[in-house]
Amino acid sequence: MQGVKPLHSLGQTQMSQAQHATRTVTEIKYPDRFNVVVINDDFTPMEFVIQLLVEVFNKTIEEAKDATVRVHEDGKAVAGSYGLEIAEQKQQESTIIARHHGHPLKVIIEKVE
């Protein structure tokens, strides 16, 4: 192998032999949760609220009845806790259904702290 020159003699520089340690810290943060809250009013029938909770929020009849009683007695009740996009969708769907049936039911979203 005469005539073959090593790479460093061909004008190419050697890479630095020093090694630098780099540490990356990744913090995992779960997405915020939002409660969809049904607000009491004097006009929306309890039977309608029960049906809405069953159809939109996938509650059982018993869960829906309990939540409706809480709305009636406490002025409001949490219908479900979701990520932001799903909470907004549930709120809008509930409001559209209530308005379609002529009820002024108010459904809001509250951030879970």
Protein backbone atom coordinates (compact mmCIF):
# COMPACT_ATOMS: atom_id res chain seq x y z
CA MET A 1 0.00 0.00 0.00
CA GLN A 2 2.62 2.37 -0.95
CA GLY A 3 1.45 5.69 -2.23
CA VAL A 4 -1.68 5.73 -0.04
CA LYS A 5 -1.56 8.68 2.28
CA PRO A 6 -3.52 8.86 5.53
CA LEU A 7 -6.59 11.16 5.45
CA HIS A 8 -5.13 13.72 7.80
CA SER A 9 -2.26 14.27 5.45
CA LEU A 10 -4.64 14.99 2.53
CA GLY A 11 -5.65 18.37 3.92
CA GLN A 12 -8.68 17.12 5.83
CA THR A 13 -8.77 18.04 9.49
CA GLN A 14 -9.46 15.59 12.22
CA MET A 15 -12.62 15.95 14.25
CA SER A 16 -12.24 17.15 17.79
CA GLN A 17 -11.87 14.33 20.23
CA ALA A 18 -13.57 16.27 23.04
CA GLN A 19 -17.06 15.05 23.90
CA HIS A 20 -19.67 17.35 25.37
CA ALA A 21 -22.49 15.91 27.40
CA THR A 22 -25.88 17.52 26.76
CA ARG A 23 -28.87 16.79 28.93
CA THR A 24 -32.37 17.64 27.82
CA VAL A 25 -35.09 17.72 30.43
CA THR A 26 -38.57 17.09 29.09
CA GLU A 27 -41.50 17.88 31.34
CA ILE A 28 -44.75 16.14 30.53
CA LYS A 29 -47.84 18.21 31.20
CA TYR A 30 -51.27 16.71 30.80
CA PRO A 31 -53.83 18.79 28.89
CA ASP A 32 -56.13 20.99 30.92
CA ARG A 33 -59.54 19.60 31.82
CA PHE A 34 -62.80 21.50 31.58
CA ASN A 35 -66.10 20.86 33.33
CA VAL A 36 -69.28 21.24 31.32
CA VAL A 37 -71.76 22.74 33.78
CA VAL A 38 -75.55 22.85 33.47
CA ILE A 39 -77.10 25.99 35.02
CA ASN A 40 -80.57 25.97 36.57
CA ASP A 41 -83.41 28.04 35.18
CA ASP A 42 -87.13 28.24 35.96
CA PHE A 43 -88.31 27.25 32.48
CA THR A 44 -86.51 24.09 31.30
CA PRO A 45 -88.35 20.93 32.39
CA MET A 46 -86.40 18.43 34.49
CA GLU A 47 -87.37 15.63 32.10
CA PHE A 48 -85.67 17.51 29.25
CA VAL A 49 -82.46 17.96 31.27
CA ILE A 50 -82.45 14.24 32.13
CA GLN A 51 -82.86 13.31 28.47
CA LEU A 52 -80.13 15.76 27.46
CA LEU A 53 -77.69 14.29 29.99
CA VAL A 54 -78.42 10.78 28.74
CA GLU A 55 -78.10 11.61 25.04
CA VAL A 56 -75.25 14.14 24.98
CA PHE A 57 -73.22 13.19 28.06
CA ASN A 58 -73.84 9.41 27.99
CA LYS A 59 -75.19 9.32 31.54
CA THR A 60 -77.35 6.50 32.83
CA ILE A 61 -80.91 7.40 33.78
CA GLU A 62 -79.98 7.32 37.48
CA GLU A 63 -76.87 9.49 36.98
CA ALA A 64 -78.91 11.93 34.92
CA LYS A 65 -81.66 12.12 37.55
CA ASP A 66 -79.10 12.74 40.31
CA ALA A 67 -77.37 15.48 38.29
CA THR A 68 -80.73 17.09 37.46
CA VAL A 69 -81.67 17.19 41.15
CA ARG A 70 -78.29 18.84 41.91
CA VAL A 71 -78.98 21.42 39.19
CA HIS A 72 -82.39 22.10 40.69
CA GLU A 73 -81.21 22.29 44.32
CA ASP A 74 -77.72 23.80 43.99
CA GLY A 75 -78.28 25.95 40.91
CA LYS A 76 -75.76 24.05 38.80
CA ALA A 77 -74.12 20.65 38.31
CA VAL A 78 -71.19 19.23 36.39
CA ALA A 79 -72.38 17.17 33.43
CA GLY A 80 -68.89 15.96 32.53
CA SER A 81 -65.18 16.74 32.48
CA TYR A 82 -63.35 16.77 29.14
CA GLY A 83 -60.50 18.24 27.14
CA LEU A 84 -61.22 21.72 25.77
CA GLU A 85 -62.38 20.74 22.27
CA ILE A 86 -64.74 18.03 23.48
CA ALA A 87 -66.09 20.27 26.26
CA GLU A 88 -66.83 23.00 23.71
CA GLN A 89 -68.53 20.49 21.42
CA LYS A 90 -70.72 19.14 24.27
CA GLN A 91 -71.64 22.67 25.35
CA GLN A 92 -72.60 23.74 21.83
CA GLU A 93 -74.52 20.54 21.15
CA SER A 94 -76.47 20.92 24.41
CA THR A 95 -77.29 24.55 23.71
CA ILE A 96 -78.43 23.82 20.14
CA ILE A 97 -80.69 20.97 21.29
CA ALA A 98 -82.17 23.11 24.09
CA ARG A 99 -82.86 26.03 21.73
CA HIS A 100 -84.34 23.70 19.13
CA HIS A 101 -86.85 22.53 21.75
CA GLY A 102 -87.54 26.11 22.90
CA HIS A 103 -85.70 25.92 26.25
CA PRO A 104 -83.37 28.65 27.59
CA LEU A 105 -81.08 26.10 29.30
CA LYS A 106 -77.60 27.50 29.86
CA VAL A 107 -74.55 25.25 29.66
CA ILE A 108 -71.11 26.69 30.44
CA ILE A 109 -67.50 25.49 30.53
CA GLU A 110 -65.28 25.95 33.59
CA LYS A 111 -61.58 25.13 33.73
CA VAL A 112 -60.70 22.49 36.33
CA GLU A 113 -58.09 23.89 38.69
